[in-house]
Amino acid sequence: MTLFFSRRTYNASKSKFTNNPAQVTRYVQITQGPDSDGKWQGGIIGQKDWLDQVDAEGDTDEVMIFVHGFNNDQFDVMRRFSKIKKGLRENGYRGAFVAFDWPSEGNVLAYDNDKRNAKATARHLVEDGIVPLTERAPKRKINLIAHSMGAYLTLRALSDFDDAATSGSGSWSLNEIMFVSGDADARWFGRGAWASLLLGHRSKRFTNYFSQLDGTLSLPAVIGNGLQKRVGRAGMPPMIHKNHVDIYSHEQFLKDVAHEDQTPAYSHQWWFDNDKFYKDVALTLAGQDAKDMPTRRKMNTTDLALLS
């Protein structure tokens, strides 16, 4: 079973989603697929029924939300989401899984338009996903993993809501937040900067997986606006929040990815085919101390290295 909530428009006559932004959020349950043609069995259901399915899927009170990046049509999103579910299940994670499907065009040349869509739909990650999940089970641990432009969208989403976003008393927050090849300005993550403060307030721990060999995050379209370094390629600045962790992954990439596959595109997505990455994420979700994981090695900086 696959569960996601989407801000793509839905073409009822063709029974398929498009790559355009929608005016409403739709909740979807897939019972089988998608197949090689992008077709699946299942369909759009009501929010209450969808939340019931989330409750039924996990063996624990946790849920993992996946937020995809740019250049992902819906078939790309579901394929990657399936890999994440499989990788974490095989490494012991027993919570539920859901994905936030925002309207990316699935075109590498549509970066600017994808970013506009990410900004326009960001609030629905919280309003239509995190808030209903929290209100359904206030003690539920909500985790989030965002890839590429999904990191930018997540920051925009979290910043749009104050502590009174839910109907419960007190502030709302997530458990573990993880960015993978995050497409966000690295300067925002220094101690005291806005993203650092935001993530410090909204999560128990923030983990940033980065690689200096990420070719996609060095493309001109990505690092525009002053050629600023991205947190998924450069890592966070030297001084960071006490509960934030930088995971240098350059050497793991070189070790595990064949030379002929070390392309700019694959250097941005290799994580999702790597069992060592999933093992590290599973240990993070289990709450293990960041410095004691067997998947990591200490460096001569404040960073840790994904290396096993």
Protein backbone atom coordinates (compact mmCIF):
# COMPACT_ATOMS: atom_id res chain seq x y z
CA MET A 1 0.00 0.00 0.00
CA THR A 2 1.18 3.53 -0.82
CA LEU A 3 -0.23 6.64 0.79
CA PHE A 4 0.34 10.20 -0.36
CA PHE A 5 -1.30 13.60 -0.43
CA SER A 6 -0.99 15.71 -3.53
CA ARG A 7 -1.24 19.30 -4.73
CA ARG A 8 -1.16 18.33 -8.39
CA THR A 9 -4.31 18.88 -10.42
CA TYR A 10 -6.32 15.78 -11.24
CA ASN A 11 -7.67 15.10 -14.71
CA ALA A 12 -10.80 13.06 -14.01
CA SER A 13 -11.44 12.27 -17.69
CA LYS A 14 -8.03 10.57 -17.94
CA SER A 15 -7.98 9.35 -14.32
CA LYS A 16 -4.51 10.78 -13.76
CA PHE A 17 -2.71 13.63 -12.06
CA THR A 18 -0.98 16.37 -14.05
CA ASN A 19 2.15 18.39 -13.25
CA ASN A 20 0.20 21.60 -12.55
CA PRO A 21 -0.65 23.09 -9.12
CA ALA A 22 -4.10 22.26 -7.75
CA GLN A 23 -6.54 24.33 -5.74
CA VAL A 24 -7.25 21.47 -3.33
CA THR A 25 -5.26 18.73 -1.63
CA ARG A 26 -6.19 15.19 -2.59
CA TYR A 27 -5.49 12.15 -0.43
CA VAL A 28 -4.56 8.98 -2.28
CA GLN A 29 -4.32 5.31 -1.39
CA ILE A 30 -2.59 3.01 -3.89
CA THR A 31 -3.23 -0.67 -3.33
CA GLN A 32 -1.03 -1.85 -6.19
CA GLY A 33 1.48 -0.22 -8.57
CA PRO A 34 2.40 2.05 -10.19
CA ASP A 35 3.40 -0.22 -13.06
CA SER A 36 5.85 0.64 -15.85
CA ASP A 37 3.18 2.77 -17.52
CA GLY A 38 2.60 4.79 -14.37
CA LYS A 39 -0.79 3.19 -13.69
CA TRP A 40 -1.97 1.91 -10.34
CA GLN A 41 -4.90 0.41 -8.52
CA GLY A 42 -6.47 2.54 -5.85
CA GLY A 43 -7.60 6.13 -5.89
CA ILE A 44 -8.54 9.33 -4.14
CA ILE A 45 -10.13 8.92 -0.70
CA GLY A 46 -11.32 11.28 2.02
CA GLN A 47 -8.95 12.70 4.61
CA LYS A 48 -10.45 10.72 7.48
CA ASP A 49 -10.20 7.43 5.58
CA TRP A 50 -6.65 8.31 4.59
CA LEU A 51 -5.67 8.98 8.22
CA ASP A 52 -7.25 5.64 9.16
CA GLN A 53 -4.99 3.95 6.61
CA VAL A 54 -1.93 5.75 8.02
CA ASP A 55 -2.84 4.48 11.49
CA ALA A 56 -3.21 0.94 10.16
CA GLU A 57 0.00 0.84 8.14
CA GLY A 58 2.58 1.26 10.90
CA ASP A 59 3.42 -1.10 13.75
CA THR A 60 4.54 1.87 15.88
CA ASP A 61 3.21 5.35 16.61
CA GLU A 62 5.64 6.92 14.11
CA VAL A 63 5.15 8.17 10.58
CA MET A 64 7.72 9.15 7.97
CA ILE A 65 6.88 11.91 5.48
CA PHE A 66 8.87 12.02 2.23
CA VAL A 67 9.14 15.35 0.38
CA HIS A 68 10.56 14.98 -3.13
CA GLY A 69 12.74 17.40 -5.08
CA PHE A 70 12.64 19.15 -8.44
CA ASN A 71 12.51 17.39 -11.82
CA ASN A 72 10.18 14.69 -10.45
CA ASP A 73 6.91 13.80 -12.14
CA GLN A 74 4.50 11.72 -10.10
CA PHE A 75 5.85 8.41 -11.38
CA ASP A 76 9.39 9.47 -10.33
CA VAL A 77 8.07 10.40 -6.88
CA MET A 78 6.32 7.08 -6.35
CA ARG A 79 9.29 5.08 -7.58
CA ARG A 80 11.66 6.87 -5.20
CA PHE A 81 9.15 6.68 -2.36
CA SER A 82 8.94 2.89 -2.86
CA LYS A 83 12.74 2.63 -2.63
CA ILE A 84 12.77 4.60 0.63
CA LYS A 85 10.04 2.43 2.16
CA LYS A 86 11.82 -0.76 1.15
CA GLY A 87 15.23 0.45 2.34
CA LEU A 88 14.02 1.56 5.75
CA ARG A 89 11.76 -1.47 6.27
CA GLU A 90 14.72 -3.76 5.59
CA ASN A 91 16.68 -1.86 8.24
CA GLY A 92 14.06 -2.15 10.94
CA TYR A 93 11.86 0.93 10.67
CA ARG A 94 8.25 -0.02 11.46
CA GLY A 95 6.41 3.28 11.29
CA ALA A 96 3.97 4.35 8.59
CA PHE A 97 5.06 6.11 5.39
CA VAL A 98 3.41 8.94 3.48
CA ALA A 99 4.62 11.27 0.73
CA PHE A 100 3.81 14.88 -0.06
CA ASP A 101 3.45 15.10 -3.84
CA TRP A 102 3.93 18.70 -4.95
CA PRO A 103 3.70 19.73 -8.64
CA SER A 104 7.16 19.34 -10.15
CA GLU A 105 7.22 19.16 -13.95
CA GLY A 106 9.68 16.28 -14.22
CA ASN A 107 11.84 18.39 -16.56
CA VAL A 108 15.43 19.31 -15.75
CA LEU A 109 14.99 22.57 -17.67
CA ALA A 110 12.01 23.67 -15.53
CA TYR A 111 13.98 24.51 -12.37
CA ASP A 112 12.60 28.03 -11.91
CA ASN A 113 9.01 26.94 -12.46
CA ASP A 114 9.43 24.04 -10.04
CA LYS A 115 10.74 26.44 -7.41
CA ARG A 116 7.73 28.71 -7.87
CA ASN A 117 5.43 25.70 -7.46
CA ALA A 118 7.34 24.54 -4.39
CA LYS A 119 6.92 27.96 -2.79
CA ALA A 120 3.25 28.20 -3.74
CA THR A 121 2.30 24.78 -2.36
CA ALA A 122 4.68 24.54 0.61
CA ARG A 123 2.18 25.44 3.32
CA HIS A 124 0.06 22.40 2.46
CA LEU A 125 2.79 20.08 3.72
CA VAL A 126 1.95 21.37 7.20
CA GLU A 127 -1.68 22.42 6.78
CA ASP A 128 -2.87 19.23 5.07
CA GLY A 129 -0.29 16.72 6.29
CA ILE A 130 1.54 17.45 9.52
CA VAL A 131 -1.39 19.18 11.25
CA PRO A 132 -3.99 16.43 10.58
CA LEU A 133 -1.49 13.73 11.55
CA THR A 134 -0.68 15.58 14.77
CA GLU A 135 -4.31 16.24 15.65
CA ARG A 136 -5.24 12.60 15.03
CA ALA A 137 -2.52 11.39 17.43
CA PRO A 138 -0.90 14.21 19.45
CA LYS A 139 1.84 11.93 20.83
CA ARG A 140 2.72 10.54 17.41
CA LYS A 141 6.34 10.92 16.33
CA ILE A 142 6.41 12.53 12.90
CA ASN A 143 9.67 12.22 10.97
CA LEU A 144 10.49 13.88 7.66
CA ILE A 145 13.05 13.26 4.92
CA ALA A 146 13.36 15.86 2.17
CA HIS A 147 15.41 15.53 -0.98
CA SER A 148 16.80 18.34 -3.13
CA MET A 149 14.25 21.17 -3.55
CA GLY A 150 12.09 19.38 -1.01
CA ALA A 151 14.41 20.92 1.61
CA TYR A 152 13.54 24.43 0.41
CA LEU A 153 9.84 23.54 0.38
CA THR A 154 10.05 22.13 3.91
CA LEU A 155 11.66 25.27 5.28
CA ARG A 156 9.03 27.44 3.62
CA ALA A 157 6.28 25.20 5.01
CA LEU A 158 7.54 25.17 8.59
CA SER A 159 8.06 28.93 8.62
CA ASP A 160 4.44 29.64 7.63
CA PHE A 161 2.90 28.35 10.88
CA ASP A 162 3.19 29.43 14.49
CA ASP A 163 2.87 27.35 17.65
CA ALA A 164 -0.92 27.53 17.52
CA ALA A 165 -1.18 25.71 14.18
CA THR A 166 -2.91 22.69 15.70
CA SER A 167 -6.02 22.53 17.84
CA GLY A 168 -4.05 21.01 20.72
CA SER A 169 -2.41 22.94 23.53
CA GLY A 170 1.24 23.89 23.32
CA SER A 171 3.61 24.07 20.37
CA TRP A 172 3.79 21.43 17.66
CA SER A 173 6.98 19.84 16.41
CA LEU A 174 8.47 16.95 14.45
CA ASN A 175 10.81 14.25 15.69
CA GLU A 176 13.67 13.72 13.20
CA ILE A 177 14.09 15.94 10.13
CA MET A 178 16.62 14.90 7.50
CA PHE A 179 17.72 16.73 4.36
CA VAL A 180 19.41 14.76 1.58
CA SER A 181 21.22 16.75 -1.13
CA GLY A 182 19.32 19.73 0.20
CA ASP A 183 18.76 22.56 -2.28
CA ALA A 184 18.87 25.42 0.22
CA ASP A 185 21.38 28.18 0.89
CA ALA A 186 24.06 26.85 3.26
CA ARG A 187 24.29 30.23 5.03
CA TRP A 188 20.77 29.75 6.40
CA PHE A 189 21.98 26.90 8.65
CA GLY A 190 24.65 28.63 10.73
CA ARG A 191 23.89 28.93 14.43
CA GLY A 192 21.42 31.79 14.86
CA ALA A 193 20.45 31.94 11.16
CA TRP A 194 16.78 31.56 10.27
CA ALA A 195 16.77 27.92 9.08
CA SER A 196 18.83 26.85 12.07
CA LEU A 197 16.42 28.56 14.47
CA LEU A 198 13.40 27.17 12.65
CA LEU A 199 14.65 23.56 12.57
CA GLY A 200 15.84 23.84 16.17
CA HIS A 201 12.34 24.82 17.24
CA ARG A 202 10.40 22.40 15.04
CA SER A 203 12.41 19.19 15.43
CA LYS A 204 14.09 17.07 18.05
CA ARG A 205 17.11 16.68 15.76
CA PHE A 206 18.09 17.81 12.28
CA THR A 207 20.49 15.78 10.11
CA ASN A 208 21.99 17.08 6.87
CA TYR A 209 23.39 14.53 4.41
CA PHE A 210 25.72 16.24 1.93
CA SER A 211 28.31 15.39 -0.70
CA GLN A 212 30.86 17.70 -2.28
CA LEU A 213 30.56 15.57 -5.42
CA ASP A 214 26.87 16.42 -5.94
CA GLY A 215 27.01 17.60 -9.54
CA THR A 216 23.38 18.68 -9.76
CA LEU A 217 23.73 21.19 -6.93
CA SER A 218 26.61 22.88 -8.76
CA LEU A 219 24.58 23.58 -11.92
CA PRO A 220 24.11 27.30 -12.72
CA ALA A 221 20.32 27.08 -12.54
CA VAL A 222 20.55 25.69 -9.00
CA ILE A 223 23.16 28.00 -7.51
CA GLY A 224 21.83 31.21 -9.07
CA ASN A 225 20.97 34.30 -7.05
CA GLY A 226 24.57 35.14 -6.24
CA LEU A 227 26.09 31.69 -6.75
CA GLN A 228 25.43 30.68 -3.17
CA LYS A 229 26.55 27.28 -1.93
CA ARG A 230 23.83 24.70 -1.28
CA VAL A 231 23.67 22.86 2.03
CA GLY A 232 23.47 19.50 0.22
CA ARG A 233 26.84 20.09 -1.43
CA ALA A 234 28.80 22.34 0.96
CA GLY A 235 27.32 21.22 4.27
CA MET A 236 26.40 23.54 7.11
CA PRO A 237 28.69 26.34 8.36
CA PRO A 238 31.24 25.45 11.10
CA MET A 239 29.10 26.77 13.97
CA ILE A 240 25.73 25.00 14.12
CA HIS A 241 22.86 24.30 16.53
CA LYS A 242 23.67 21.74 19.22
CA ASN A 243 21.03 19.31 17.91
CA HIS A 244 22.04 19.60 14.27
CA VAL A 245 24.31 17.06 12.59
CA ASP A 246 26.27 17.34 9.33
CA ILE A 247 26.98 14.05 7.54
CA TYR A 248 29.79 14.23 4.97
CA SER A 249 29.15 11.53 2.37
CA HIS A 250 31.77 12.18 -0.33
CA GLU A 251 33.84 9.07 0.41
CA GLN A 252 30.85 6.72 0.68
CA PHE A 253 29.76 7.87 -2.78
CA LEU A 254 33.21 7.14 -4.24
CA LYS A 255 33.35 3.78 -2.48
CA ASP A 256 29.94 2.47 -3.49
CA VAL A 257 29.16 4.03 -6.88
CA ALA A 258 30.94 2.69 -9.95
CA HIS A 259 33.05 5.26 -11.77
CA GLU A 260 30.90 5.13 -14.91
CA ASP A 261 27.81 5.94 -12.81
CA GLN A 262 29.32 9.00 -11.10
CA THR A 263 27.36 11.42 -13.27
CA PRO A 264 25.96 14.79 -12.13
CA ALA A 265 22.43 13.38 -12.13
CA TYR A 266 23.22 10.19 -10.22
CA SER A 267 25.47 11.99 -7.72
CA HIS A 268 22.29 13.76 -6.62
CA GLN A 269 20.21 10.61 -6.10
CA TRP A 270 22.59 7.71 -5.37
CA TRP A 271 21.50 7.70 -1.74
CA PHE A 272 18.26 5.94 -2.56
CA ASP A 273 20.07 2.90 -3.94
CA ASN A 274 22.50 2.64 -1.02
CA ASP A 275 21.83 0.31 1.91
CA LYS A 276 24.44 2.03 4.10
CA PHE A 277 22.50 5.27 3.79
CA TYR A 278 19.27 3.51 4.79
CA LYS A 279 20.97 1.87 7.74
CA ASP A 280 22.21 5.25 8.92
CA VAL A 281 18.76 6.80 8.53
CA ALA A 282 17.16 3.89 10.42
CA LEU A 283 19.60 4.33 13.30
CA THR A 284 18.82 8.05 13.31
CA LEU A 285 15.10 7.33 13.48
CA ALA A 286 15.74 4.90 16.35
CA GLY A 287 17.20 7.82 18.29
CA GLN A 288 20.77 6.55 18.47
CA ASP A 289 23.45 9.05 19.44
CA ALA A 290 24.81 10.73 16.31
CA LYS A 291 28.43 10.05 17.24
CA ASP A 292 28.00 6.38 18.15
CA MET A 293 26.55 4.96 14.95
CA PRO A 294 28.56 2.17 13.27
CA THR A 295 27.73 3.72 9.89
CA ARG A 296 29.71 6.88 10.67
CA ARG A 297 33.31 7.92 11.22
CA LYS A 298 34.63 10.94 13.08
CA MET A 299 36.43 13.62 11.08
CA ASN A 300 38.90 16.33 12.08
CA THR A 301 36.02 18.81 11.87
CA THR A 302 32.67 18.93 13.66
CA ASP A 303 31.18 16.86 10.80
CA LEU A 304 30.70 13.11 10.83
CA ALA A 305 31.30 10.97 7.75
CA LEU A 306 28.90 8.41 6.34
CA LEU A 307 31.46 5.67 5.79
CA SER A 308 31.13 1.93 6.36
